[in-house]
């Protein structure tokens, strides 16, 4: 075999091994996030509107899902006192089946869109920069109304630390 053929063979092996690792990293991150639907949920979702909710003590704003529902014209949000809000259905909201009595309002699931880069660390760890997006978004959702939700309009950049185990890469929390 000529030096050229050896070079091509070596580059092919390197390229394929890199693709495998990238795929393994993507699979590990997806496995960590795959069962986590992006939802707005209450302690008891078997409700009828209007409902009163307390604002999170640490938040100065509504959930991006509640904001999206209001932006799309499905609910109205009214301040009631210092810490409470009332969520009321609009006529349009009453016609749209968006509230699940078990899960609340779900916008879909997060999945890895692209692995941008990874940097090796100590003790078989890597820092991964990737983008994720929402999939299985309900048909009734106007994505522009929910643009405050990361990954709705365009992929959102995220980071994760992964650790190499005997069973492959695992997201390290």
Protein backbone atom coordinates (compact mmCIF):
# COMPACT_ATOMS: atom_id res chain seq x y z
CA UNK A 1 0.00 0.00 0.00
CA UNK A 2 1.20 3.47 -0.76
CA UNK A 3 1.70 6.18 1.86
CA UNK A 4 -1.32 7.97 0.40
CA UNK A 5 -3.60 4.96 0.97
CA UNK A 6 -2.31 4.57 4.54
CA UNK A 7 -2.96 8.26 5.15
CA UNK A 8 -6.50 8.04 3.78
CA UNK A 9 -7.16 4.90 5.84
CA UNK A 10 -5.82 6.54 9.01
CA UNK A 11 -7.89 9.69 8.46
CA UNK A 12 -11.01 7.60 7.84
CA UNK A 13 -10.49 5.65 11.07
CA UNK A 14 -9.94 8.89 13.01
CA UNK A 15 -13.01 10.51 11.49
CA UNK A 16 -15.21 7.51 12.23
CA UNK A 17 -13.98 7.19 15.79
CA UNK A 18 -14.71 10.89 16.36
CA UNK A 19 -18.24 10.49 14.99
CA UNK A 20 -18.83 7.56 17.31
CA UNK A 21 -17.74 9.53 20.34
CA UNK A 22 -19.86 12.54 19.34
CA UNK A 23 -22.82 10.22 18.90
CA UNK A 24 -22.14 8.60 22.30
CA UNK A 25 -22.02 12.03 23.95
CA UNK A 26 -25.28 13.08 22.27
CA UNK A 27 -26.95 9.83 23.34
CA UNK A 28 -25.81 10.30 26.96
CA UNK A 29 -27.22 13.84 27.13
CA UNK A 30 -30.46 12.80 25.43
CA UNK A 31 -30.83 9.91 27.87
CA UNK A 32 -30.56 12.41 30.72
CA UNK A 33 -33.21 14.79 29.31
CA UNK A 34 -35.47 12.49 27.26
CA UNK A 35 -38.13 11.84 29.88
CA UNK A 36 -38.34 15.42 31.07
CA UNK A 37 -41.27 17.12 29.40
CA UNK A 38 -41.25 20.90 29.60
CA UNK A 39 -44.48 21.62 31.49
CA UNK A 40 -46.21 24.13 33.71
CA UNK A 41 -47.85 22.07 36.42
CA UNK A 42 -49.65 22.64 39.70
CA UNK A 43 -49.76 20.34 42.73
CA UNK A 44 -53.24 19.34 41.58
CA UNK A 45 -53.91 19.79 37.86
CA UNK A 46 -57.53 18.65 38.06
CA UNK A 47 -58.79 22.24 38.14
CA UNK A 48 -61.35 24.53 36.59
CA UNK A 49 -60.65 28.12 35.64
CA UNK A 50 -60.28 30.77 36.92
CA UNK A 51 -57.58 29.76 39.39
CA UNK A 52 -55.45 31.75 41.80
CA UNK A 53 -51.76 30.98 42.03
CA UNK A 54 -49.03 32.35 44.25
CA UNK A 55 -46.01 33.89 42.61
CA UNK A 56 -42.73 32.12 43.23
CA UNK A 57 -40.89 33.99 45.99
CA UNK A 58 -37.72 34.10 43.92
CA UNK A 59 -39.27 35.09 40.61
CA UNK A 60 -40.22 38.55 39.49
CA UNK A 61 -41.96 37.18 36.44
CA UNK A 62 -44.42 34.56 35.24
CA UNK A 63 -43.48 31.16 33.92
CA UNK A 64 -42.60 31.41 30.20
CA UNK A 65 -45.42 28.94 29.56
CA UNK A 66 -47.98 31.18 31.31
CA UNK A 67 -46.65 34.17 29.39
CA UNK A 68 -47.01 32.22 26.15
CA UNK A 69 -50.58 31.23 26.96
CA UNK A 70 -51.39 34.90 27.59
CA UNK A 71 -49.50 36.02 24.45
CA UNK A 72 -51.48 33.55 22.36
CA UNK A 73 -54.72 34.83 23.88
CA UNK A 74 -55.67 31.59 25.65
CA UNK A 75 -55.63 33.01 29.20
CA UNK A 76 -55.51 36.32 30.98
CA UNK A 77 -53.21 36.89 33.95
CA UNK A 78 -54.29 39.37 36.61
CA UNK A 79 -52.38 40.53 39.65
CA UNK A 80 -54.37 39.95 42.83
CA UNK A 81 -52.69 41.55 45.79
CA UNK A 82 -48.96 41.43 46.33
CA UNK A 83 -48.21 37.76 45.75
CA UNK A 84 -51.14 36.16 43.93
CA UNK A 85 -52.25 35.98 40.31
CA UNK A 86 -55.52 34.89 38.78
CA UNK A 87 -55.44 32.84 35.59
CA UNK A 88 -58.68 33.05 33.61
CA UNK A 89 -59.59 31.36 30.35
CA UNK A 90 -60.43 33.52 27.39
CA UNK A 91 -63.07 32.49 24.87
CA UNK A 92 -60.26 31.26 22.61
CA UNK A 93 -58.70 29.36 25.52
CA UNK A 94 -61.99 27.64 26.32
CA UNK A 95 -62.04 26.29 22.74
CA UNK A 96 -58.44 25.08 22.85
CA UNK A 97 -57.67 21.85 24.65
CA UNK A 98 -54.36 22.89 26.22
CA UNK A 99 -54.69 21.87 29.90
CA UNK A 100 -54.09 18.25 30.87
CA UNK A 101 -55.69 17.23 34.18
CA UNK A 102 -52.60 15.16 35.09
CA UNK A 103 -49.65 17.11 33.64
CA UNK A 104 -50.83 20.72 33.30
CA UNK A 105 -49.60 22.43 30.11
CA UNK A 106 -46.72 20.72 28.29
CA UNK A 107 -44.70 22.23 25.47
CA UNK A 108 -42.84 19.10 24.34
CA UNK A 109 -39.56 17.42 25.16
CA UNK A 110 -36.00 18.67 24.95
CA UNK A 111 -33.52 16.86 22.71
CA UNK A 112 -29.95 17.56 21.64
CA UNK A 113 -29.85 19.49 18.38
CA UNK A 114 -26.07 19.58 17.93
CA UNK A 115 -22.88 18.86 19.87
CA UNK A 116 -20.80 22.01 19.37
CA UNK A 117 -17.60 21.01 21.19
CA UNK A 118 -16.22 19.20 24.18
CA UNK A 119 -13.15 19.72 26.31
CA UNK A 120 -11.49 16.95 28.25
CA UNK A 121 -11.12 17.50 31.96
CA UNK A 122 -9.72 15.49 34.83
CA UNK A 123 -10.76 12.01 35.98
CA UNK A 124 -12.46 10.92 32.73
CA UNK A 125 -14.74 13.95 32.50
CA UNK A 126 -15.57 16.26 29.63
CA UNK A 127 -17.31 19.64 29.46
CA UNK A 128 -19.74 19.61 26.53
CA UNK A 129 -21.26 22.62 24.80
CA UNK A 130 -24.37 21.65 22.84
CA UNK A 131 -27.66 23.02 21.60
CA UNK A 132 -31.06 21.61 22.41
CA UNK A 133 -34.49 22.15 20.95
CA UNK A 134 -38.08 21.25 21.76
CA UNK A 135 -39.76 18.43 19.86
CA UNK A 136 -43.30 17.07 20.00
CA UNK A 137 -44.62 20.62 20.46
CA UNK A 138 -48.45 20.53 20.53
CA UNK A 139 -50.16 21.61 17.30
CA UNK A 140 -52.13 24.38 19.01
CA UNK A 141 -48.92 26.22 20.00
CA UNK A 142 -48.05 29.42 18.14
CA UNK A 143 -44.26 29.32 18.55
CA UNK A 144 -43.94 33.11 18.32
CA UNK A 145 -46.21 33.48 21.36
CA UNK A 146 -43.94 31.16 23.33
CA UNK A 147 -40.63 32.65 22.19
CA UNK A 148 -39.46 33.09 25.82
CA UNK A 149 -39.12 29.31 26.06
CA UNK A 150 -35.57 28.25 25.24
CA UNK A 151 -35.45 25.94 22.24
CA UNK A 152 -38.91 26.86 20.95
CA UNK A 153 -37.92 29.16 18.06
CA UNK A 154 -34.30 28.18 17.69
CA UNK A 155 -31.88 25.82 19.43
CA UNK A 156 -30.67 26.96 22.86
CA UNK A 157 -27.03 26.61 23.88
CA UNK A 158 -26.41 24.48 26.97
CA UNK A 159 -23.47 22.92 28.81
CA UNK A 160 -23.07 19.62 30.59
CA UNK A 161 -20.32 17.70 32.35
CA UNK A 162 -20.08 14.05 31.38
CA UNK A 163 -18.11 11.31 33.09
CA UNK A 164 -16.78 8.21 31.34
CA UNK A 165 -17.98 5.05 33.11
CA UNK A 166 -17.66 1.35 32.35
CA UNK A 167 -21.08 1.70 30.68
CA UNK A 168 -20.16 4.71 28.53
CA UNK A 169 -20.70 8.43 29.03
CA UNK A 170 -23.07 9.63 31.77
CA UNK A 171 -24.19 13.17 32.58
CA UNK A 172 -22.53 14.06 35.86
CA UNK A 173 -24.73 16.13 38.17
